[in-house]
Amino acid sequence: MVLSAGILAALNWATLVAAGHPWSITWAFTLWGAKGARLFGWQPNGNWFWTGGYQERALDASILNDTTSVMCIGIVLGAMMAASLAGKISPKRSIPVPALVSAIVGGIIMGYGARLAYGCNIGAFFSGVASGSLHGWVWIFCAIPGNWLGIKIRALLKEKF
């Protein structure tokens, strides 16, 4: 466990050096969502978050120019490769509607919560605590009961469907 913690700390430091900010994940999804919204006619000039500075430059550039986006793509491809090597990838032709709906609703709730918390377990907790920020500790003290509640709700849904 100590070795794993050391490797994570070294990788977080390398990310800080390469990206200029602590390790984060959810920023990429925010950026991708904004780029997608632009395709449907959304104009960011009226939104303070997207005007000026880092966010505006990221919105105007390719996602391949964004370190967080590239890291997220790498995480997904790496997870797919590991699952494939372990023989755990098995595409399904049909997904039960309740499972699909709960996955979509759960994903939206988790994504919204991650943006409110300034990140997920990586950006809010891991990088938050590593940088000495109080928000990382607040995140974990909220995430623990939230996970417990999510497990209970999942069990109820599983019994029902």
N, C-alpha and C. Protein backbone atom coordinates (compact mmCIF):
# COMPACT_ATOMS: atom_id res chain seq x y z
N MET A 1 0.82 -1.18 0.00
CA MET A 1 0.00 0.00 0.00
C MET A 1 0.87 1.26 0.00
N VAL A 2 1.97 1.21 0.72
CA VAL A 2 2.87 2.35 0.77
C VAL A 2 3.47 2.61 -0.62
N LEU A 3 3.83 1.54 -1.32
CA LEU A 3 4.35 1.68 -2.67
C LEU A 3 3.32 2.33 -3.59
N SER A 4 2.08 1.86 -3.50
CA SER A 4 1.01 2.43 -4.33
C SER A 4 0.79 3.90 -4.02
N ALA A 5 0.78 4.25 -2.73
CA ALA A 5 0.62 5.65 -2.33
C ALA A 5 1.78 6.49 -2.87
N GLY A 6 2.98 5.96 -2.82
CA GLY A 6 4.14 6.67 -3.36
C GLY A 6 4.04 6.88 -4.85
N ILE A 7 3.59 5.86 -5.57
CA ILE A 7 3.41 5.98 -7.03
C ILE A 7 2.36 7.03 -7.36
N LEU A 8 1.23 7.00 -6.63
CA LEU A 8 0.18 8.02 -6.86
C LEU A 8 0.70 9.42 -6.57
N ALA A 9 1.46 9.59 -5.50
CA ALA A 9 2.02 10.90 -5.17
C ALA A 9 2.98 11.36 -6.26
N ALA A 10 3.82 10.46 -6.76
CA ALA A 10 4.76 10.81 -7.83
C ALA A 10 4.01 11.18 -9.11
N LEU A 11 2.96 10.43 -9.44
CA LEU A 11 2.18 10.75 -10.63
C LEU A 11 1.43 12.07 -10.47
N ASN A 12 0.93 12.36 -9.27
CA ASN A 12 0.27 13.64 -9.03
C ASN A 12 1.27 14.79 -9.19
N TRP A 13 2.47 14.60 -8.69
CA TRP A 13 3.52 15.61 -8.85
C TRP A 13 3.85 15.80 -10.33
N ALA A 14 3.99 14.68 -11.07
CA ALA A 14 4.28 14.77 -12.51
C ALA A 14 3.16 15.50 -13.25
N THR A 15 1.93 15.25 -12.85
CA THR A 15 0.80 15.96 -13.47
C THR A 15 0.89 17.45 -13.16
N LEU A 16 1.22 17.80 -11.94
CA LEU A 16 1.37 19.20 -11.56
C LEU A 16 2.44 19.89 -12.41
N VAL A 17 3.53 19.20 -12.62
CA VAL A 17 4.62 19.76 -13.44
C VAL A 17 4.19 19.88 -14.90
N ALA A 18 3.58 18.82 -15.44
CA ALA A 18 3.21 18.81 -16.87
C ALA A 18 2.04 19.74 -17.18
N ALA A 19 1.01 19.74 -16.32
CA ALA A 19 -0.22 20.49 -16.62
C ALA A 19 -0.24 21.88 -15.99
N GLY A 20 0.53 22.07 -14.93
CA GLY A 20 0.51 23.35 -14.24
C GLY A 20 -0.58 23.43 -13.19
N HIS A 21 -1.27 22.31 -12.93
CA HIS A 21 -2.30 22.25 -11.89
C HIS A 21 -2.38 20.82 -11.39
N PRO A 22 -2.96 20.63 -10.18
CA PRO A 22 -3.07 19.27 -9.66
C PRO A 22 -3.92 18.39 -10.56
N TRP A 23 -3.82 17.10 -10.35
CA TRP A 23 -4.55 16.12 -11.14
C TRP A 23 -6.04 16.39 -11.03
N SER A 24 -6.72 16.41 -12.15
CA SER A 24 -8.16 16.61 -12.18
C SER A 24 -8.75 15.75 -13.29
N ILE A 25 -10.04 15.51 -13.20
CA ILE A 25 -10.73 14.68 -14.18
C ILE A 25 -11.92 15.44 -14.77
N THR A 26 -12.76 15.98 -13.89
CA THR A 26 -14.06 16.50 -14.34
C THR A 26 -13.97 17.75 -15.20
N TRP A 27 -12.84 18.46 -15.16
CA TRP A 27 -12.70 19.62 -16.03
C TRP A 27 -12.86 19.21 -17.49
N ALA A 28 -12.33 18.05 -17.85
CA ALA A 28 -12.42 17.58 -19.24
C ALA A 28 -13.88 17.43 -19.65
N PHE A 29 -14.70 16.88 -18.77
CA PHE A 29 -16.11 16.67 -19.12
C PHE A 29 -16.85 18.00 -19.24
N THR A 30 -16.46 18.97 -18.40
CA THR A 30 -17.04 20.31 -18.51
C THR A 30 -16.68 20.91 -19.86
N LEU A 31 -15.44 20.78 -20.23
CA LEU A 31 -14.97 21.31 -21.51
C LEU A 31 -15.65 20.61 -22.68
N TRP A 32 -15.74 19.30 -22.63
CA TRP A 32 -16.38 18.55 -23.72
C TRP A 32 -17.86 18.92 -23.83
N GLY A 33 -18.52 19.10 -22.68
CA GLY A 33 -19.93 19.49 -22.70
C GLY A 33 -20.12 20.86 -23.33
N ALA A 34 -19.23 21.80 -23.00
CA ALA A 34 -19.31 23.14 -23.57
C ALA A 34 -19.04 23.11 -25.07
N LYS A 35 -18.07 22.31 -25.49
CA LYS A 35 -17.79 22.18 -26.92
C LYS A 35 -18.99 21.57 -27.65
N GLY A 36 -19.63 20.58 -27.03
CA GLY A 36 -20.83 19.98 -27.61
C GLY A 36 -21.97 20.98 -27.68
N ALA A 37 -22.14 21.78 -26.63
CA ALA A 37 -23.20 22.80 -26.62
C ALA A 37 -22.98 23.83 -27.72
N ARG A 38 -21.72 24.15 -27.99
CA ARG A 38 -21.42 25.08 -29.09
C ARG A 38 -21.90 24.55 -30.43
N LEU A 39 -21.81 23.23 -30.61
CA LEU A 39 -22.28 22.63 -31.86
C LEU A 39 -23.78 22.85 -32.07
N PHE A 40 -24.51 23.03 -30.95
CA PHE A 40 -25.96 23.25 -31.02
C PHE A 40 -26.33 24.73 -30.91
N GLY A 41 -25.32 25.61 -31.05
CA GLY A 41 -25.60 27.04 -31.11
C GLY A 41 -25.37 27.84 -29.84
N TRP A 42 -24.93 27.19 -28.76
CA TRP A 42 -24.67 27.93 -27.53
C TRP A 42 -23.51 28.90 -27.74
N GLN A 43 -23.68 30.13 -27.25
CA GLN A 43 -22.63 31.14 -27.34
C GLN A 43 -22.08 31.43 -25.94
N PRO A 44 -20.80 31.18 -25.71
CA PRO A 44 -20.24 31.33 -24.36
C PRO A 44 -19.97 32.78 -23.95
N ASN A 45 -20.06 33.75 -24.87
CA ASN A 45 -19.68 35.13 -24.54
C ASN A 45 -20.52 35.73 -23.41
N GLY A 46 -21.71 35.24 -23.14
CA GLY A 46 -22.53 35.78 -22.06
C GLY A 46 -22.27 35.12 -20.72
N ASN A 47 -21.40 34.14 -20.67
CA ASN A 47 -21.13 33.40 -19.45
C ASN A 47 -19.75 33.76 -18.92
N TRP A 48 -19.68 34.30 -17.72
CA TRP A 48 -18.41 34.76 -17.16
C TRP A 48 -17.37 33.65 -17.07
N PHE A 49 -17.79 32.42 -16.83
CA PHE A 49 -16.84 31.32 -16.67
C PHE A 49 -16.03 31.09 -17.94
N TRP A 50 -16.66 31.25 -19.10
CA TRP A 50 -16.02 30.91 -20.36
C TRP A 50 -15.41 32.12 -21.07
N THR A 51 -15.42 33.29 -20.46
CA THR A 51 -14.84 34.45 -21.13
C THR A 51 -13.53 34.83 -20.46
N GLY A 52 -12.50 34.84 -21.24
CA GLY A 52 -11.18 35.23 -20.76
C GLY A 52 -10.42 34.11 -20.10
N GLY A 53 -9.13 34.16 -20.23
CA GLY A 53 -8.26 33.24 -19.52
C GLY A 53 -8.26 31.82 -20.04
N TYR A 54 -7.91 30.92 -19.13
CA TYR A 54 -7.70 29.51 -19.44
C TYR A 54 -8.91 28.86 -20.08
N GLN A 55 -10.10 29.10 -19.52
CA GLN A 55 -11.30 28.43 -20.01
C GLN A 55 -11.60 28.82 -21.46
N GLU A 56 -11.49 30.09 -21.78
CA GLU A 56 -11.78 30.53 -23.15
C GLU A 56 -10.77 29.94 -24.14
N ARG A 57 -9.50 29.93 -23.75
CA ARG A 57 -8.48 29.34 -24.63
C ARG A 57 -8.73 27.85 -24.85
N ALA A 58 -9.10 27.14 -23.77
CA ALA A 58 -9.38 25.71 -23.88
C ALA A 58 -10.60 25.46 -24.76
N LEU A 59 -11.60 26.31 -24.65
CA LEU A 59 -12.82 26.14 -25.44
C LEU A 59 -12.54 26.36 -26.93
N ASP A 60 -11.61 27.23 -27.23
CA ASP A 60 -11.29 27.54 -28.64
C ASP A 60 -10.29 26.55 -29.25
N ALA A 61 -9.59 25.79 -28.42
CA ALA A 61 -8.56 24.87 -28.91
C ALA A 61 -9.11 23.45 -29.01
N SER A 62 -8.33 22.57 -29.59
CA SER A 62 -8.67 21.15 -29.68
C SER A 62 -8.59 20.52 -28.29
N ILE A 63 -9.39 19.48 -28.05
CA ILE A 63 -9.29 18.80 -26.76
C ILE A 63 -7.94 18.11 -26.60
N LEU A 64 -7.27 17.86 -27.70
CA LEU A 64 -5.94 17.24 -27.62
C LEU A 64 -4.88 18.22 -27.13
N ASN A 65 -5.24 19.51 -27.06
CA ASN A 65 -4.33 20.51 -26.48
C ASN A 65 -4.54 20.65 -24.98
N ASP A 66 -5.59 20.01 -24.45
CA ASP A 66 -5.92 20.11 -23.03
C ASP A 66 -5.37 18.88 -22.31
N THR A 67 -4.46 19.10 -21.37
CA THR A 67 -3.81 18.01 -20.65
C THR A 67 -4.82 17.11 -19.94
N THR A 68 -5.82 17.70 -19.30
CA THR A 68 -6.81 16.91 -18.58
C THR A 68 -7.61 16.03 -19.53
N SER A 69 -7.97 16.57 -20.69
CA SER A 69 -8.70 15.78 -21.68
C SER A 69 -7.88 14.59 -22.16
N VAL A 70 -6.62 14.84 -22.45
CA VAL A 70 -5.74 13.77 -22.93
C VAL A 70 -5.59 12.70 -21.84
N MET A 71 -5.47 13.14 -20.58
CA MET A 71 -5.34 12.17 -19.49
C MET A 71 -6.63 11.35 -19.34
N CYS A 72 -7.79 11.99 -19.49
CA CYS A 72 -9.07 11.26 -19.39
C CYS A 72 -9.19 10.24 -20.52
N ILE A 73 -8.82 10.63 -21.71
CA ILE A 73 -8.85 9.70 -22.84
C ILE A 73 -7.92 8.52 -22.55
N GLY A 74 -6.74 8.81 -22.01
CA GLY A 74 -5.78 7.76 -21.65
C GLY A 74 -6.31 6.84 -20.57
N ILE A 75 -7.02 7.39 -19.58
CA ILE A 75 -7.59 6.57 -18.51
C ILE A 75 -8.62 5.60 -19.09
N VAL A 76 -9.50 6.11 -19.97
CA VAL A 76 -10.54 5.25 -20.56
C VAL A 76 -9.90 4.17 -21.43
N LEU A 77 -8.96 4.56 -22.28
CA LEU A 77 -8.30 3.58 -23.15
C LEU A 77 -7.51 2.56 -22.33
N GLY A 78 -6.84 3.03 -21.27
CA GLY A 78 -6.09 2.12 -20.41
C GLY A 78 -7.00 1.14 -19.68
N ALA A 79 -8.16 1.63 -19.19
CA ALA A 79 -9.11 0.74 -18.52
C ALA A 79 -9.67 -0.28 -19.50
N MET A 80 -9.97 0.16 -20.72
CA MET A 80 -10.47 -0.77 -21.73
C MET A 80 -9.43 -1.83 -22.07
N MET A 81 -8.18 -1.40 -22.18
CA MET A 81 -7.11 -2.35 -22.49
C MET A 81 -6.93 -3.35 -21.35
N ALA A 82 -6.94 -2.87 -20.10
CA ALA A 82 -6.79 -3.77 -18.96
C ALA A 82 -7.95 -4.75 -18.88
N ALA A 83 -9.18 -4.26 -19.09
CA ALA A 83 -10.35 -5.15 -19.07
C ALA A 83 -10.27 -6.17 -20.20
N SER A 84 -9.80 -5.74 -21.35
CA SER A 84 -9.67 -6.64 -22.49
C SER A 84 -8.63 -7.73 -22.21
N LEU A 85 -7.50 -7.32 -21.66
CA LEU A 85 -6.45 -8.30 -21.34
C LEU A 85 -6.90 -9.29 -20.27
N ALA A 86 -7.80 -8.83 -19.39
CA ALA A 86 -8.32 -9.71 -18.34
C ALA A 86 -9.53 -10.51 -18.81
N GLY A 87 -9.94 -10.31 -20.06
CA GLY A 87 -11.08 -11.04 -20.60
C GLY A 87 -12.41 -10.58 -20.01
N LYS A 88 -12.50 -9.34 -19.60
CA LYS A 88 -13.70 -8.84 -18.93
C LYS A 88 -14.58 -7.97 -19.83
N ILE A 89 -14.22 -7.78 -21.08
CA ILE A 89 -15.06 -6.98 -21.98
C ILE A 89 -16.01 -7.92 -22.69
N SER A 90 -17.29 -7.68 -22.49
CA SER A 90 -18.30 -8.49 -23.17
C SER A 90 -19.47 -7.59 -23.53
N PRO A 91 -19.45 -7.05 -24.74
CA PRO A 91 -20.53 -6.15 -25.16
C PRO A 91 -21.90 -6.84 -25.08
N LYS A 92 -22.89 -6.11 -24.66
CA LYS A 92 -24.25 -6.65 -24.57
C LYS A 92 -25.10 -6.01 -25.66
N ARG A 93 -25.93 -6.81 -26.27
CA ARG A 93 -26.79 -6.30 -27.35
C ARG A 93 -27.97 -5.53 -26.82
N SER A 94 -28.46 -5.90 -25.64
CA SER A 94 -29.58 -5.16 -25.08
C SER A 94 -29.31 -4.89 -23.60
N ILE A 95 -29.68 -3.69 -23.19
CA ILE A 95 -29.52 -3.29 -21.80
C ILE A 95 -30.93 -3.06 -21.26
N PRO A 96 -31.27 -3.65 -20.12
CA PRO A 96 -32.60 -3.43 -19.55
C PRO A 96 -32.85 -1.93 -19.31
N VAL A 97 -34.04 -1.47 -19.65
CA VAL A 97 -34.38 -0.04 -19.53
C VAL A 97 -34.14 0.49 -18.12
N PRO A 98 -34.56 -0.20 -17.05
CA PRO A 98 -34.29 0.33 -15.70
C PRO A 98 -32.79 0.52 -15.43
N ALA A 99 -31.97 -0.42 -15.90
CA ALA A 99 -30.53 -0.29 -15.70
C ALA A 99 -29.98 0.90 -16.48
N LEU A 100 -30.47 1.09 -17.69
CA LEU A 100 -30.04 2.21 -18.51
C LEU A 100 -30.45 3.54 -17.88
N VAL A 101 -31.69 3.63 -17.43
CA VAL A 101 -32.19 4.87 -16.81
C VAL A 101 -31.41 5.17 -15.53
N SER A 102 -31.20 4.15 -14.69
CA SER A 102 -30.46 4.41 -13.45
C SER A 102 -29.02 4.80 -13.72
N ALA A 103 -28.40 4.24 -14.76
CA ALA A 103 -27.03 4.63 -15.12
C ALA A 103 -26.97 6.08 -15.59
N ILE A 104 -27.95 6.48 -16.40
CA ILE A 104 -27.99 7.85 -16.90
C ILE A 104 -28.24 8.84 -15.76
N VAL A 105 -29.25 8.55 -14.94
CA VAL A 105 -29.58 9.44 -13.82
C VAL A 105 -28.41 9.51 -12.84
N GLY A 106 -27.85 8.34 -12.50
CA GLY A 106 -26.70 8.32 -11.59
C GLY A 106 -25.51 9.09 -12.14
N GLY A 107 -25.26 8.94 -13.43
CA GLY A 107 -24.15 9.67 -14.05
C GLY A 107 -24.35 11.17 -14.02
N ILE A 108 -25.57 11.60 -14.28
CA ILE A 108 -25.87 13.04 -14.24
C ILE A 108 -25.70 13.59 -12.83
N ILE A 109 -26.23 12.85 -11.84
CA ILE A 109 -26.11 13.30 -10.45
C ILE A 109 -24.64 13.34 -10.02
N MET A 110 -23.89 12.30 -10.37
CA MET A 110 -22.47 12.27 -10.01
C MET A 110 -21.69 13.39 -10.71
N GLY A 111 -21.98 13.61 -11.97
CA GLY A 111 -21.28 14.66 -12.71
C GLY A 111 -21.58 16.04 -12.16
N TYR A 112 -22.84 16.28 -11.86
CA TYR A 112 -23.24 17.58 -11.29
C TYR A 112 -22.58 17.78 -9.93
N GLY A 113 -22.63 16.74 -9.11
CA GLY A 113 -22.00 16.81 -7.79
C GLY A 113 -20.50 17.03 -7.88
N ALA A 114 -19.86 16.39 -8.86
CA ALA A 114 -18.42 16.55 -9.03
C ALA A 114 -18.06 17.98 -9.41
N ARG A 115 -18.87 18.60 -10.24
CA ARG A 115 -18.58 19.98 -10.62
C ARG A 115 -18.81 20.92 -9.45
N LEU A 116 -19.86 20.67 -8.65
CA LEU A 116 -20.11 21.50 -7.46
C LEU A 116 -18.98 21.37 -6.45
N ALA A 117 -18.42 20.16 -6.33
CA ALA A 117 -17.37 19.88 -5.35
C ALA A 117 -15.98 20.23 -5.89
N TYR A 118 -15.89 20.81 -7.06
CA TYR A 118 -14.63 21.13 -7.72
C TYR A 118 -13.84 19.86 -7.98
N GLY A 119 -14.56 18.84 -8.40
CA GLY A 119 -13.89 17.62 -8.82
C GLY A 119 -14.49 16.37 -8.21
N CYS A 120 -13.98 15.25 -8.68
CA CYS A 120 -14.43 13.95 -8.21
C CYS A 120 -13.47 13.48 -7.12
N ASN A 121 -13.35 12.19 -6.94
CA ASN A 121 -12.43 11.68 -5.93
C ASN A 121 -10.98 12.03 -6.25
N ILE A 122 -10.68 12.28 -7.51
CA ILE A 122 -9.32 12.68 -7.88
C ILE A 122 -9.10 14.16 -7.60
N GLY A 123 -9.85 15.02 -8.28
CA GLY A 123 -9.65 16.46 -8.16
C GLY A 123 -10.06 17.02 -6.82
N ALA A 124 -11.19 16.57 -6.29
CA ALA A 124 -11.68 17.14 -5.03
C ALA A 124 -10.97 16.54 -3.83
N PHE A 125 -10.89 15.22 -3.79
CA PHE A 125 -10.30 14.59 -2.60
C PHE A 125 -8.78 14.45 -2.71
N PHE A 126 -8.32 13.65 -3.66
CA PHE A 126 -6.89 13.33 -3.74
C PHE A 126 -6.02 14.59 -3.94
N SER A 127 -6.34 15.37 -4.95
CA SER A 127 -5.55 16.58 -5.20
C SER A 127 -5.84 17.66 -4.17
N GLY A 128 -7.10 17.70 -3.69
CA GLY A 128 -7.46 18.69 -2.67
C GLY A 128 -6.69 18.49 -1.38
N VAL A 129 -6.65 17.26 -0.91
CA VAL A 129 -5.93 16.97 0.33
C VAL A 129 -4.42 17.15 0.11
N ALA A 130 -3.92 16.68 -1.04
CA ALA A 130 -2.49 16.79 -1.33
C ALA A 130 -2.03 18.25 -1.38
N SER A 131 -2.93 19.15 -1.78
CA SER A 131 -2.55 20.57 -1.86
C SER A 131 -2.86 21.31 -0.57
N GLY A 132 -3.36 20.58 0.44
CA GLY A 132 -3.62 21.21 1.74
C GLY A 132 -4.94 21.96 1.81
N SER A 133 -5.85 21.67 0.88
CA SER A 133 -7.12 22.39 0.84
C SER A 133 -8.16 21.73 1.75
N LEU A 134 -8.91 22.55 2.46
CA LEU A 134 -9.96 22.05 3.33
C LEU A 134 -11.06 21.37 2.54
N HIS A 135 -11.28 21.80 1.28
CA HIS A 135 -12.39 21.23 0.52
C HIS A 135 -12.22 19.73 0.28
N GLY A 136 -11.00 19.22 0.25
CA GLY A 136 -10.77 17.79 0.08
C GLY A 136 -11.29 16.99 1.26
N TRP A 137 -11.08 17.51 2.45
CA TRP A 137 -11.57 16.82 3.65
C TRP A 137 -13.09 16.93 3.75
N VAL A 138 -13.65 18.08 3.39
CA VAL A 138 -15.11 18.22 3.39
C VAL A 138 -15.69 17.24 2.38
N TRP A 139 -15.04 17.09 1.24
CA TRP A 139 -15.52 16.17 0.20
C TRP A 139 -15.60 14.75 0.74
N ILE A 140 -14.55 14.25 1.38
CA ILE A 140 -14.55 12.86 1.83
C ILE A 140 -15.59 12.64 2.92
N PHE A 141 -15.79 13.64 3.81
CA PHE A 141 -16.79 13.49 4.87
C PHE A 141 -18.21 13.53 4.32
N CYS A 142 -18.41 14.09 3.14
CA CYS A 142 -19.72 14.04 2.46
C CYS A 142 -19.83 12.80 1.57
N ALA A 143 -18.71 12.37 0.99
CA ALA A 143 -18.74 11.23 0.07
C ALA A 143 -19.03 9.91 0.79
N ILE A 144 -18.55 9.77 2.00
CA ILE A 144 -18.77 8.50 2.72
C ILE A 144 -20.26 8.25 2.95
N PRO A 145 -21.01 9.18 3.56
CA PRO A 145 -22.45 8.91 3.70
C PRO A 145 -23.17 8.89 2.34
N GLY A 146 -22.69 9.65 1.38
CA GLY A 146 -23.30 9.63 0.05
C GLY A 146 -23.15 8.28 -0.62
N ASN A 147 -21.99 7.66 -0.47
CA ASN A 147 -21.78 6.30 -1.01
C ASN A 147 -22.69 5.29 -0.31
N TRP A 148 -22.80 5.40 1.00
CA TRP A 148 -23.67 4.50 1.75
C TRP A 148 -25.10 4.62 1.24
N LEU A 149 -25.58 5.86 1.07
CA LEU A 149 -26.93 6.09 0.57
C LEU A 149 -27.10 5.54 -0.84
N GLY A 150 -26.11 5.75 -1.69
CA GLY A 150 -26.16 5.24 -3.06
C GLY A 150 -26.24 3.72 -3.11
N ILE A 151 -25.51 3.06 -2.23
CA ILE A 151 -25.56 1.60 -2.18
C ILE A 151 -26.94 1.12 -1.75
N LYS A 152 -27.53 1.80 -0.77
CA LYS A 152 -28.88 1.43 -0.30
C LYS A 152 -29.91 1.64 -1.42
N ILE A 153 -29.83 2.75 -2.13
CA ILE A 153 -30.77 3.03 -3.22
C ILE A 153 -30.59 2.00 -4.33
N ARG A 154 -29.35 1.67 -4.64
CA ARG A 154 -29.10 0.67 -5.69
C ARG A 154 -29.71 -0.67 -5.33
N ALA A 155 -29.56 -1.06 -4.06
CA ALA A 155 -30.14 -2.34 -3.61
C ALA A 155 -31.66 -2.32 -3.74
N LEU A 156 -32.28 -1.19 -3.40
CA LEU A 156 -33.74 -1.08 -3.53
C LEU A 156 -34.16 -1.18 -4.99
N LEU A 157 -33.45 -0.51 -5.88
CA LEU A 157 -33.77 -0.56 -7.30
C LEU A 157 -33.56 -1.96 -7.87
N LYS A 158 -32.52 -2.63 -7.40
CA LYS A 158 -32.22 -3.97 -7.89
C LYS A 158 -33.33 -4.95 -7.49
N GLU A 159 -33.86 -4.78 -6.27
CA GLU A 159 -34.96 -5.63 -5.82
C GLU A 159 -36.23 -5.36 -6.63
N LYS A 160 -36.44 -4.10 -6.97
CA LYS A 160 -37.65 -3.69 -7.66
C LYS A 160 -37.66 -4.11 -9.12
N PHE A 161 -36.52 -4.07 -9.74
CA PHE A 161 -36.44 -4.36 -11.17
C PHE A 161 -35.69 -5.66 -11.37
